[in-house]
Amino acid sequence: MSFQMRVATLLAFLLLLVPCAAVQARQKQQIPRGSKLYIAPMDGFETYLQQAFSEKKVPLEIVNDKSQADFAIMGNAESQKAGLAKKLIFGSWHSNEDASITVTNLRTGEVIYAYAVHKQNSAHGKRSTAEACAKHLKEIIESR
């Protein structure tokens, strides 16, 4: 990945981090159990999210058609594989993982939840970040 792409990705994560806390604090209880959720394509990360939602038993119904959904998840994920120095010096082959998601109310267009996660030395790659996203969204829904 080029330096410009890494900088652009980092800026996107930082821009999401600032409003995350405010959005979560202000509107964390606006995703009712059983709501229909569309997961937008995210270069393959959506597959990890779908699996994590199932494993963590997030109380939402995932639909494949955005027009049938109440909410939509959008976001991105990035992996940084372990370099030769990390492998030789630290003996670690684990990657560093970053992911961020936003949940948008499709009726109002309002972003009602945002979350960003960074996993250092992730043994399970994107699966770890997807599970963190699912776990925290489930907590928000169940805190009603």
Protein backbone atom coordinates (compact mmCIF):
# COMPACT_ATOMS: atom_id res chain seq x y z
CA MET A 1 0.00 0.00 0.00
CA SER A 2 1.40 3.38 -0.93
CA PHE A 3 2.27 6.04 1.60
CA GLN A 4 -0.52 8.31 0.33
CA MET A 5 -3.09 5.53 0.79
CA ARG A 6 -1.89 4.90 4.35
CA VAL A 7 -2.10 8.60 5.17
CA ALA A 8 -5.59 8.82 3.63
CA THR A 9 -6.74 5.76 5.61
CA LEU A 10 -5.27 7.14 8.83
CA LEU A 11 -7.03 10.47 8.27
CA ALA A 12 -10.32 8.67 7.64
CA PHE A 13 -9.94 6.79 10.95
CA LEU A 14 -9.10 10.00 12.81
CA LEU A 15 -12.07 11.81 11.31
CA LEU A 16 -14.32 9.00 12.49
CA LEU A 17 -12.85 8.95 16.00
CA VAL A 18 -13.78 12.53 16.82
CA PRO A 19 -17.52 12.20 16.24
CA CYS A 20 -17.65 8.62 17.55
CA ALA A 21 -17.85 9.50 21.23
CA ALA A 22 -20.41 12.24 20.68
CA VAL A 23 -22.62 10.06 18.49
CA GLN A 24 -22.44 7.14 20.91
CA ALA A 25 -23.18 9.24 23.97
CA ARG A 26 -26.00 11.21 22.35
CA GLN A 27 -27.85 8.48 20.51
CA LYS A 28 -26.69 5.09 21.67
CA GLN A 29 -30.20 3.75 22.24
CA GLN A 30 -31.70 4.26 18.82
CA ILE A 31 -31.16 0.80 17.35
CA PRO A 32 -34.08 -1.39 18.44
CA ARG A 33 -33.69 -5.15 18.76
CA GLY A 34 -34.79 -7.02 15.64
CA SER A 35 -34.15 -4.10 13.31
CA LYS A 36 -33.20 -4.96 9.77
CA LEU A 37 -29.57 -4.22 8.96
CA TYR A 38 -27.83 -3.99 5.60
CA ILE A 39 -24.05 -4.45 5.60
CA ALA A 40 -22.50 -2.54 2.70
CA PRO A 41 -19.59 -4.04 0.73
CA MET A 42 -16.24 -3.26 2.38
CA ASP A 43 -13.62 -5.09 0.31
CA GLY A 44 -14.43 -8.40 1.98
CA PHE A 45 -14.69 -7.12 5.56
CA GLU A 46 -18.49 -7.38 5.35
CA THR A 47 -18.14 -11.19 5.37
CA TYR A 48 -16.22 -11.05 8.64
CA LEU A 49 -18.87 -8.70 10.10
CA GLN A 50 -21.72 -11.00 9.09
CA GLN A 51 -20.00 -13.96 10.71
CA ALA A 52 -19.17 -11.97 13.86
CA PHE A 53 -22.79 -10.75 14.16
CA SER A 54 -23.94 -14.35 14.02
CA GLU A 55 -21.33 -15.63 16.50
CA LYS A 56 -21.89 -12.78 18.97
CA LYS A 57 -25.67 -13.09 18.58
CA VAL A 58 -26.22 -9.42 17.78
CA PRO A 59 -30.03 -9.00 17.97
CA LEU A 60 -30.43 -7.60 14.45
CA GLU A 61 -31.73 -9.18 11.27
CA ILE A 62 -29.19 -8.95 8.44
CA VAL A 63 -30.75 -8.41 5.01
CA ASN A 64 -29.11 -8.46 1.59
CA ASP A 65 -31.35 -5.78 0.07
CA LYS A 66 -30.70 -2.24 1.29
CA SER A 67 -34.27 -1.19 0.42
CA GLN A 68 -35.59 -3.66 3.03
CA ALA A 69 -33.29 -2.42 5.79
CA ASP A 70 -33.86 0.04 8.63
CA PHE A 71 -30.13 0.63 9.15
CA ALA A 72 -26.95 0.25 7.13
CA ILE A 73 -23.38 -0.38 8.22
CA MET A 74 -20.58 1.13 6.21
CA GLY A 75 -16.90 1.25 6.96
CA ASN A 76 -13.47 -0.03 6.12
CA ALA A 77 -10.75 -2.29 7.42
CA GLU A 78 -7.02 -2.44 6.91
CA SER A 79 -4.43 -5.09 7.69
CA GLN A 80 -0.71 -4.59 8.08
CA LYS A 81 1.16 -7.86 7.90
CA ALA A 82 4.17 -8.43 10.13
CA GLY A 83 7.40 -7.31 8.51
CA LEU A 84 10.63 -9.27 8.45
CA ALA A 85 12.08 -7.31 11.39
CA LYS A 86 9.03 -8.01 13.56
CA LYS A 87 9.22 -11.69 12.68
CA LEU A 88 12.94 -11.98 13.40
CA ILE A 89 13.25 -9.70 16.44
CA PHE A 90 9.96 -10.34 18.21
CA GLY A 91 9.06 -13.73 16.74
CA SER A 92 5.58 -12.46 15.92
CA TRP A 93 3.81 -13.21 12.65
CA HIS A 94 0.60 -11.52 13.76
CA SER A 95 -0.80 -8.59 11.82
CA ASN A 96 -1.94 -5.17 12.99
CA GLU A 97 -5.60 -4.56 12.22
CA ASP A 98 -7.70 -1.40 11.97
CA ALA A 99 -11.41 -1.15 11.28
CA SER A 100 -14.11 1.47 11.56
CA ILE A 101 -17.86 1.26 11.04
CA THR A 102 -20.78 3.64 11.06
CA VAL A 103 -24.44 2.71 11.42
CA THR A 104 -26.81 4.96 9.56
CA ASN A 105 -30.57 5.21 10.00
CA LEU A 106 -31.76 4.79 6.40
CA ARG A 107 -35.01 6.66 7.01
CA THR A 108 -33.38 9.82 8.38
CA GLY A 109 -29.87 9.53 6.94
CA GLU A 110 -28.46 10.18 10.40
CA VAL A 111 -25.33 8.38 11.62
CA ILE A 112 -26.41 6.95 14.95
CA TYR A 113 -23.40 4.85 15.88
CA ALA A 114 -19.73 4.84 15.00
CA TYR A 115 -16.91 2.66 16.24
CA ALA A 116 -13.22 2.32 15.42
CA VAL A 117 -10.91 -0.43 16.62
CA HIS A 118 -7.17 -1.09 16.45
CA LYS A 119 -5.79 -4.54 17.22
CA GLN A 120 -2.02 -4.79 17.69
CA ASN A 121 -0.56 -8.24 16.98
CA SER A 122 -3.92 -9.71 16.03
CA ALA A 123 -3.76 -13.49 15.93
CA HIS A 124 -6.98 -13.76 13.93
CA GLY A 125 -6.69 -10.78 11.56
CA LYS A 126 -9.88 -9.13 10.38
CA ARG A 127 -11.95 -11.62 12.37
CA SER A 128 -10.74 -9.96 15.60
CA THR A 129 -11.75 -6.46 14.54
CA ALA A 130 -15.11 -7.66 13.20
CA GLU A 131 -15.83 -9.37 16.51
CA ALA A 132 -14.95 -6.20 18.41
CA CYS A 133 -17.35 -4.21 16.22
CA ALA A 134 -20.12 -6.78 16.74
CA LYS A 135 -19.54 -6.99 20.50
CA HIS A 136 -19.73 -3.22 21.01
CA LEU A 137 -22.78 -2.78 18.80
CA LYS A 138 -24.53 -5.59 20.69
CA GLU A 139 -23.75 -3.82 23.99
CA ILE A 140 -25.33 -0.61 22.70
CA ILE A 141 -28.47 -2.43 21.54
CA GLU A 142 -28.84 -4.40 24.78
CA SER A 143 -28.30 -1.35 27.00
CA ARG A 144 -31.86 -0.19 26.21
